[in-house]
Amino acid sequence: MKWNVFSEQDKETNARTGFFSNNAADKVICKTPHCILVTSRGSLPHVTNDVLSEFPCLGLQLETFDFLWLNSNSKLKGSDILREFGAGMHEYCQLQPHPLYLSFVSQQQVDKITFSAKRQQFHAYQRGNTITFSWSDYLELVQTSYCDMVECPSVVTKDDSKNGGVWDSNRLQRDCEQSTQLQYEFIQQWSQQHGPSFEQSMCIGVVQGGMKEEQRRRHAQSISQLNGIGGFYIDVLPAKLTEQQKLASISISNLPPWLPRGMEASGSLEQVLALVGCGVDYFISSYPYILSTHGYALDLPHKNNLWNIQYRNNTDPLSLHCSCPVCRRYTRAYLNHLLNTHEMLAMTLLMIHNSAQYIQFFHQIQQAIETKTFGAFQKQFLASRRVDDS
């Protein structure tokens, strides 16, 4: 996979459009800015693959932990199953039309990731549990998965709660240097030993640096100098939106402009707009799932809480401007009934609808950038939002 930047760029911001294409056929897969939705073991929560086919350009994220081992006792390796299956993750999960993004580790869900050079092992500390896997485990999974985009391995440092949330600059610098070395070695081994899978996939460099501006600047420069990098994932830890914008802008200003940059953005539509304005091209997100679990339905630019009694007799579709399968058949009153009777079907219908609206939101962003009206679109979108929409 490769990415190409269009000439269109908003004059007021750093927002830009581009497209991902297949290396072999040079066929456009999807345009950017675009979303990559988080899955569970290759499945979009509550959505079956036949319904997912309604969104053929939708990118899907695969979590390494879901596929390292395919049983609870860690004896059935995912790479062995894929090797015996004889095809990659697209066919194994029946996701052929969709661009797949293999995350090394979901950096928003772990407390820390360390690497032991002596044992060649990673240790991920997650919610009181420790997950251990080897360097070769990940490399073999990458080799056999044939995903379109693959993250380089890295270590993760978060603020030190025992030190009042203050960053340890020396530790942060050591971890960034180790991450750079890990990514360099990963690219070397993958490209030399497993050429075909390396040529088919886009290697994503992970840009870190914590909350330290100078460290973030240096790490972005060092990662951008690695040969074989096809794009970047900017790791910005949970913070206020203004802080995220500042950190993202620092990283982006030190990355080559001809390669795509991605970030995690599950917070709000305002977050996406702000980061697009910084120059982010793709977003790994679980926003439709988060909305659906709380009973919200997107009705751009708003979101409606369908638990509310005001929708009990409302026969309108979930959105008057949506043509998804849910809006073609069901009403707000029906979803209100499903939610209040705790029917599982409510989550399924909301996920389908919210995913469709989220994709439509990115199409609106693309159109605004292409017509050089992104700044006006952003201002109008934010001005029209209700207080309870954020």
Protein backbone atom coordinates (compact mmCIF):
# COMPACT_ATOMS: atom_id res chain seq x y z
CA MET A 1 0.00 0.00 0.00
CA LYS A 2 1.11 3.56 -0.65
CA TRP A 3 -0.26 7.04 0.03
CA ASN A 4 -0.36 10.04 -2.26
CA VAL A 5 -1.04 13.61 -1.23
CA PHE A 6 -3.32 15.77 -3.37
CA SER A 7 -2.38 19.35 -4.14
CA GLU A 8 -5.44 20.56 -2.23
CA GLN A 9 -4.61 22.02 1.16
CA ASP A 10 -6.66 24.45 3.18
CA LYS A 11 -5.11 27.92 3.19
CA GLU A 12 -6.09 28.75 6.77
CA THR A 13 -4.97 25.44 8.33
CA ASN A 14 -2.75 22.45 7.55
CA ALA A 15 -5.72 20.27 6.52
CA ARG A 16 -5.03 18.27 3.35
CA THR A 17 -6.45 15.46 1.25
CA GLY A 18 -4.79 12.37 -0.17
CA PHE A 19 -5.51 8.75 -0.99
CA PHE A 20 -4.30 5.26 -0.17
CA SER A 21 -3.76 2.99 -3.16
CA ASN A 22 -2.72 -0.57 -3.89
CA ASN A 23 0.95 -0.95 -4.81
CA ALA A 24 0.35 -3.55 -7.54
CA ALA A 25 -2.74 -2.21 -9.32
CA ASP A 26 -2.35 1.44 -8.27
CA LYS A 27 -6.07 1.33 -7.45
CA VAL A 28 -7.45 3.94 -5.05
CA ILE A 29 -8.59 2.22 -1.84
CA CYS A 30 -9.80 5.22 0.14
CA LYS A 31 -9.36 8.97 0.36
CA THR A 32 -8.05 10.86 3.36
CA PRO A 33 -8.75 12.27 5.89
CA HIS A 34 -10.29 8.94 6.79
CA CYS A 35 -11.20 6.78 9.77
CA ILE A 36 -9.94 3.34 10.79
CA LEU A 37 -12.40 1.75 13.20
CA VAL A 38 -11.27 -0.45 16.09
CA THR A 39 -12.32 -4.12 15.89
CA SER A 40 -12.44 -7.06 18.27
CA ARG A 41 -10.66 -10.07 16.74
CA GLY A 42 -11.25 -8.63 13.29
CA SER A 43 -14.97 -7.95 13.76
CA LEU A 44 -16.55 -4.53 14.06
CA PRO A 45 -18.57 -4.81 17.30
CA HIS A 46 -22.21 -5.81 16.70
CA VAL A 47 -21.84 -5.61 12.91
CA THR A 48 -21.80 -8.68 10.66
CA ASN A 49 -19.60 -8.83 7.58
CA ASP A 50 -22.53 -8.74 5.14
CA VAL A 51 -23.62 -5.37 6.59
CA LEU A 52 -19.99 -4.22 6.75
CA SER A 53 -19.84 -4.67 2.97
CA GLU A 54 -22.01 -1.53 2.73
CA PHE A 55 -18.82 0.39 3.65
CA PRO A 56 -16.13 -1.14 1.39
CA CYS A 57 -13.63 1.71 1.88
CA LEU A 58 -13.80 1.63 5.67
CA GLY A 59 -10.44 0.97 7.30
CA LEU A 60 -10.34 -1.55 10.16
CA GLN A 61 -7.81 -1.82 12.97
CA LEU A 62 -6.60 -5.21 14.20
CA GLU A 63 -5.14 -5.56 17.70
CA THR A 64 -1.96 -7.65 17.97
CA PHE A 65 -3.09 -9.15 21.29
CA ASP A 66 -6.18 -10.59 19.58
CA PHE A 67 -4.11 -12.64 17.13
CA LEU A 68 -0.82 -13.55 18.84
CA TRP A 69 -2.58 -16.58 20.30
CA LEU A 70 -5.99 -17.92 19.39
CA ASN A 71 -6.71 -19.72 22.67
CA SER A 72 -6.45 -18.88 26.34
CA ASN A 73 -3.41 -21.04 27.19
CA SER A 74 -1.13 -19.31 24.66
CA LYS A 75 -0.29 -22.52 22.79
CA LEU A 76 -2.08 -21.87 19.49
CA LYS A 77 -0.12 -19.13 17.72
CA GLY A 78 -2.01 -16.91 15.32
CA SER A 79 0.90 -16.87 12.88
CA ASP A 80 0.89 -20.70 12.71
CA ILE A 81 -2.83 -20.72 11.92
CA LEU A 82 -2.42 -18.07 9.22
CA ARG A 83 0.55 -19.92 7.74
CA GLU A 84 -1.46 -23.17 7.60
CA PHE A 85 -4.49 -21.29 6.27
CA GLY A 86 -2.31 -20.11 3.41
CA ALA A 87 -3.68 -16.58 3.16
CA GLY A 88 -3.53 -13.38 5.13
CA MET A 89 -5.85 -11.62 7.53
CA HIS A 90 -8.16 -10.27 4.79
CA GLU A 91 -9.32 -13.76 3.82
CA TYR A 92 -9.07 -15.29 7.30
CA CYS A 93 -11.43 -12.66 8.74
CA GLN A 94 -13.41 -12.29 5.49
CA LEU A 95 -12.52 -8.62 5.19
CA GLN A 96 -11.26 -8.54 1.59
CA PRO A 97 -12.54 -5.06 0.56
CA HIS A 98 -11.25 -3.27 3.65
CA PRO A 99 -7.80 -1.78 4.29
CA LEU A 100 -6.45 -3.41 7.47
CA TYR A 101 -4.24 -1.70 10.05
CA LEU A 102 -2.27 -3.92 12.45
CA SER A 103 -1.58 -2.05 15.70
CA PHE A 104 1.44 -3.20 17.66
CA VAL A 105 -0.36 -2.50 20.93
CA SER A 106 -3.28 -0.18 21.60
CA GLN A 107 -1.28 2.53 23.32
CA GLN A 108 -4.37 4.09 24.89
CA GLN A 109 -5.21 0.86 26.74
CA VAL A 110 -1.86 -0.06 28.28
CA ASP A 111 -0.10 1.43 31.26
CA LYS A 112 3.40 0.59 30.05
CA ILE A 113 5.30 -1.49 27.47
CA THR A 114 8.88 -2.52 28.11
CA PHE A 115 11.37 -4.55 26.09
CA SER A 116 14.07 -6.89 27.38
CA ALA A 117 16.95 -6.95 24.90
CA LYS A 118 18.50 -9.95 26.66
CA ARG A 119 15.38 -12.11 26.35
CA GLN A 120 14.03 -10.39 23.23
CA GLN A 121 10.66 -10.06 24.92
CA PHE A 122 8.01 -7.37 25.27
CA HIS A 123 6.04 -6.89 28.47
CA ALA A 124 2.74 -5.03 28.23
CA TYR A 125 1.16 -3.96 31.50
CA GLN A 126 -2.58 -3.64 31.06
CA ARG A 127 -5.16 -3.15 33.82
CA GLY A 128 -3.18 -5.08 36.40
CA ASN A 129 -2.22 -7.88 34.00
CA THR A 130 1.08 -8.49 32.23
CA ILE A 131 1.16 -9.84 28.68
CA THR A 132 4.52 -11.20 27.53
CA PHE A 133 5.43 -11.99 23.94
CA SER A 134 8.65 -12.27 22.00
CA TRP A 135 10.10 -10.21 19.18
CA SER A 136 9.73 -13.19 16.85
CA ASP A 137 6.04 -13.61 17.83
CA TYR A 138 5.22 -10.19 16.45
CA LEU A 139 7.46 -10.49 13.40
CA GLU A 140 5.87 -13.83 12.45
CA LEU A 141 2.38 -12.37 12.86
CA VAL A 142 3.31 -9.46 10.61
CA GLN A 143 4.80 -11.83 8.04
CA THR A 144 1.69 -13.99 7.82
CA SER A 145 -1.05 -11.37 8.24
CA TYR A 146 -0.44 -9.39 5.03
CA CYS A 147 -2.14 -6.32 6.52
CA ASP A 148 -2.09 -3.12 4.50
CA MET A 149 -0.57 -1.05 7.31
CA VAL A 150 1.66 -2.39 10.10
CA GLU A 151 2.94 -0.52 13.14
CA CYS A 152 6.56 -0.83 14.19
CA PRO A 153 7.13 -2.12 17.74
CA SER A 154 7.85 0.44 20.43
CA VAL A 155 7.95 0.89 24.18
CA VAL A 156 5.43 3.09 25.95
CA THR A 157 6.04 5.48 28.81
CA LYS A 158 3.29 7.33 30.63
CA ASP A 159 3.41 9.92 33.37
CA ASP A 160 4.71 8.78 36.71
CA SER A 161 1.75 8.86 39.11
CA LYS A 162 4.09 8.24 42.04
CA ASN A 163 5.89 11.43 41.18
CA GLY A 164 2.81 13.61 41.09
CA GLY A 165 2.29 13.06 37.36
CA VAL A 166 5.63 14.68 36.52
CA TRP A 167 7.55 13.29 33.57
CA ASP A 168 10.94 11.72 34.21
CA SER A 169 12.88 13.33 31.34
CA ASN A 170 15.80 10.89 31.51
CA ARG A 171 13.54 7.85 31.42
CA LEU A 172 11.48 9.36 28.60
CA GLN A 173 14.62 9.99 26.56
CA ARG A 174 15.87 6.42 27.13
CA ASP A 175 12.52 4.96 26.10
CA CYS A 176 12.37 7.11 22.96
CA GLU A 177 15.88 6.04 22.00
CA GLN A 178 14.97 2.39 22.59
CA SER A 179 11.80 2.80 20.49
CA THR A 180 13.83 4.25 17.64
CA GLN A 181 16.27 1.34 17.79
CA LEU A 182 13.43 -1.21 17.92
CA GLN A 183 11.76 0.31 14.89
CA TYR A 184 15.04 0.38 12.97
CA GLU A 185 15.74 -3.30 13.72
CA PHE A 186 12.16 -4.28 12.93
CA ILE A 187 12.30 -2.67 9.48
CA GLN A 188 15.64 -4.31 8.75
CA GLN A 189 14.51 -7.81 9.71
CA TRP A 190 11.10 -7.58 8.09
CA SER A 191 12.43 -6.23 4.78
CA GLN A 192 15.37 -8.64 4.56
CA GLN A 193 13.72 -11.86 5.73
CA HIS A 194 10.14 -11.39 4.55
CA GLY A 195 10.35 -9.30 1.39
CA PRO A 196 6.92 -10.06 -0.17
CA SER A 197 4.90 -9.11 2.92
CA PHE A 198 7.06 -6.00 3.43
CA GLU A 199 6.50 -4.86 -0.16
CA GLN A 200 2.71 -5.29 0.12
CA SER A 201 2.34 -3.43 3.41
CA MET A 202 2.95 0.10 4.59
CA CYS A 203 5.34 0.23 7.54
CA ILE A 204 4.08 2.72 10.13
CA GLY A 205 6.63 4.44 12.36
CA VAL A 206 5.48 5.34 15.87
CA VAL A 207 6.29 8.91 16.92
CA GLN A 208 6.47 9.49 20.67
CA GLY A 209 7.95 11.98 23.09
CA GLY A 210 5.38 12.24 25.85
CA MET A 211 4.43 15.75 26.95
CA LYS A 212 7.95 17.12 26.45
CA GLU A 213 8.03 19.35 23.37
CA GLU A 214 11.77 19.08 22.69
CA GLN A 215 11.75 15.30 23.14
CA ARG A 216 8.77 15.01 20.80
CA ARG A 217 10.59 17.11 18.21
CA ARG A 218 13.76 15.01 18.42
CA HIS A 219 11.90 11.71 18.24
CA ALA A 220 9.90 12.78 15.19
CA GLN A 221 13.14 13.72 13.43
CA SER A 222 14.84 10.41 14.29
CA ILE A 223 11.87 8.26 13.18
CA SER A 224 11.47 10.19 9.92
CA GLN A 225 15.09 9.32 9.01
CA LEU A 226 14.45 5.55 9.07
CA ASN A 227 14.51 3.99 5.60
CA GLY A 228 11.42 1.92 4.84
CA ILE A 229 8.91 3.99 6.79
CA GLY A 230 5.73 4.54 4.76
CA GLY A 231 3.71 6.55 7.27
CA PHE A 232 3.47 7.61 10.89
CA TYR A 233 1.33 7.08 13.95
CA ILE A 234 1.63 9.99 16.38
CA ASP A 235 1.22 8.83 19.95
CA VAL A 236 -0.31 11.72 21.91
CA LEU A 237 -1.35 10.72 25.40
CA PRO A 238 -4.79 11.68 26.76
CA ALA A 239 -4.83 15.41 27.34
CA LYS A 240 -6.95 18.48 26.70
CA LEU A 241 -7.70 19.09 23.05
CA THR A 242 -5.56 22.23 22.92
CA GLU A 243 -2.63 20.23 24.32
CA GLN A 244 -3.20 17.46 21.77
CA GLN A 245 -3.17 20.03 18.96
CA LYS A 246 0.08 21.53 20.19
CA LEU A 247 1.85 18.17 20.57
CA ALA A 248 0.54 16.90 17.23
CA SER A 249 1.68 20.09 15.46
CA ILE A 250 5.18 19.76 16.93
CA SER A 251 5.48 16.18 15.70
CA ILE A 252 4.00 16.90 12.28
CA SER A 253 6.28 19.88 11.66
CA ASN A 254 9.25 17.52 11.96
CA LEU A 255 7.89 14.76 9.68
CA PRO A 256 8.19 14.57 5.87
CA PRO A 257 5.04 16.07 4.27
CA TRP A 258 4.77 13.38 1.57
CA LEU A 259 3.92 10.61 4.06
CA PRO A 260 0.60 10.12 5.93
CA ARG A 261 0.20 10.78 9.64
CA GLY A 262 -2.32 9.10 11.90
CA MET A 263 -3.59 9.50 15.45
CA GLU A 264 -6.08 7.99 17.85
CA ALA A 265 -9.28 10.06 18.06
CA SER A 266 -12.21 8.50 19.91
CA GLY A 267 -13.18 11.59 21.89
CA SER A 268 -15.46 13.75 19.74
CA LEU A 269 -16.08 15.15 16.28
CA GLU A 270 -14.52 18.42 17.48
CA GLN A 271 -11.31 16.49 18.18
CA VAL A 272 -11.23 15.13 14.64
CA LEU A 273 -11.75 18.57 13.09
CA ALA A 274 -9.05 20.13 15.25
CA LEU A 275 -6.50 17.42 14.39
CA VAL A 276 -7.36 17.47 10.68
CA GLY A 277 -6.54 21.16 10.87
CA CYS A 278 -3.13 20.22 12.26
CA GLY A 279 -2.47 17.98 9.24
CA VAL A 280 -3.50 14.52 10.49
CA ASP A 281 -4.57 12.20 7.63
CA TYR A 282 -6.13 9.13 9.28
CA PHE A 283 -7.70 8.37 12.63
CA ILE A 284 -7.90 5.15 14.63
CA SER A 285 -11.20 5.41 16.42
CA SER A 286 -13.89 3.63 18.40
CA TYR A 287 -16.16 6.69 18.45
CA PRO A 288 -19.21 4.99 16.82
CA TYR A 289 -18.96 2.18 19.36
CA ILE A 290 -18.70 4.60 22.31
CA LEU A 291 -21.76 6.51 21.09
CA SER A 292 -23.75 3.33 20.55
CA THR A 293 -23.02 1.93 24.00
CA HIS A 294 -24.55 5.08 25.51
CA GLY A 295 -27.62 5.04 23.26
CA TYR A 296 -26.63 7.97 21.06
CA ALA A 297 -27.37 8.24 17.34
CA LEU A 298 -25.45 10.67 15.14
CA ASP A 299 -27.58 13.14 13.21
CA LEU A 300 -24.85 15.37 11.82
CA PRO A 301 -23.86 17.78 13.14
CA HIS A 302 -25.70 16.62 16.28
CA LYS A 303 -26.06 13.46 18.32
CA ASN A 304 -29.37 12.39 19.85
CA ASN A 305 -29.78 10.43 23.06
CA LEU A 306 -32.43 7.92 22.03
CA TRP A 307 -33.01 6.87 25.64
CA ASN A 308 -34.96 10.11 26.12
CA ILE A 309 -38.73 9.93 26.41
CA GLN A 310 -39.13 12.60 23.71
CA TYR A 311 -38.35 9.96 21.06
CA ARG A 312 -40.97 7.45 22.24
CA ASN A 313 -43.44 8.42 19.50
CA ASN A 314 -41.00 9.96 17.01
CA THR A 315 -41.45 8.23 13.65
CA ASP A 316 -38.55 9.98 11.92
CA PRO A 317 -35.51 7.93 10.88
CA LEU A 318 -32.42 8.28 13.07
CA SER A 319 -31.25 10.97 10.65
CA LEU A 320 -33.19 12.60 7.84
CA HIS A 321 -29.95 12.92 5.86
CA CYS A 322 -28.74 9.32 6.16
CA SER A 323 -29.33 6.47 3.71
CA CYS A 324 -27.87 3.65 5.83
CA PRO A 325 -29.84 0.36 6.16
CA VAL A 326 -31.10 1.40 9.61
CA CYS A 327 -32.50 4.75 8.51
CA ARG A 328 -34.18 3.08 5.54
CA ARG A 329 -36.19 0.74 7.81
CA TYR A 330 -36.37 1.90 11.44
CA THR A 331 -37.51 4.93 13.42
CA ARG A 332 -36.30 6.78 16.47
CA ALA A 333 -39.33 5.45 18.36
CA TYR A 334 -38.32 1.87 17.60
CA LEU A 335 -34.76 2.45 18.81
CA ASN A 336 -36.12 4.14 21.94
CA HIS A 337 -38.22 1.03 22.57
CA LEU A 338 -35.25 -1.33 22.02
CA LEU A 339 -33.05 0.66 24.39
CA ASN A 340 -35.63 0.89 27.16
CA THR A 341 -36.39 -2.83 26.94
CA HIS A 342 -32.64 -3.61 26.90
CA GLU A 343 -32.75 -5.46 23.58
CA MET A 344 -29.33 -6.31 22.11
CA LEU A 345 -30.60 -5.36 18.66
CA ALA A 346 -30.36 -1.71 19.70
CA MET A 347 -26.55 -1.86 19.79
CA THR A 348 -26.41 -3.53 16.38
CA LEU A 349 -28.64 -0.93 14.72
CA LEU A 350 -26.89 1.99 16.41
CA MET A 351 -23.43 0.70 15.40
CA ILE A 352 -24.49 0.39 11.76
CA HIS A 353 -26.00 3.85 11.72
CA ASN A 354 -23.25 5.62 13.68
CA SER A 355 -20.55 4.02 11.54
CA ALA A 356 -22.32 5.24 8.38
CA GLN A 357 -22.67 8.76 9.79
CA TYR A 358 -19.04 8.81 10.94
CA ILE A 359 -17.89 7.88 7.44
CA GLN A 360 -20.17 10.58 6.03
CA PHE A 361 -18.56 13.08 8.40
CA PHE A 362 -15.16 12.33 6.89
CA HIS A 363 -16.58 12.65 3.38
CA GLN A 364 -17.79 16.14 4.33
CA ILE A 365 -14.30 17.01 5.57
CA GLN A 366 -12.73 15.75 2.34
CA GLN A 367 -15.14 17.79 0.24
CA ALA A 368 -14.52 20.91 2.32
CA ILE A 369 -10.73 20.62 1.88
CA GLU A 370 -11.04 19.94 -1.85
CA THR A 371 -13.21 23.04 -2.30
CA LYS A 372 -10.83 25.04 -0.07
CA THR A 373 -13.57 25.77 2.45
CA PHE A 374 -12.40 23.66 5.40
CA GLY A 375 -11.95 26.63 7.72
CA ALA A 376 -15.49 27.83 7.03
CA PHE A 377 -16.85 24.28 7.32
CA GLN A 378 -15.17 23.80 10.70
CA LYS A 379 -16.53 27.09 12.07
CA GLN A 380 -20.05 26.40 10.80
CA PHE A 381 -20.00 22.82 12.10
CA LEU A 382 -18.91 23.86 15.59
CA ALA A 383 -21.34 26.79 15.69
CA SER A 384 -24.29 24.54 14.85
CA ARG A 385 -23.51 21.95 17.54
CA ARG A 386 -25.73 21.84 20.62
CA VAL A 387 -24.26 22.10 24.11
CA ASP A 388 -24.87 18.39 24.75
CA ASP A 389 -23.23 17.31 21.46
CA SER A 390 -19.61 17.60 22.60
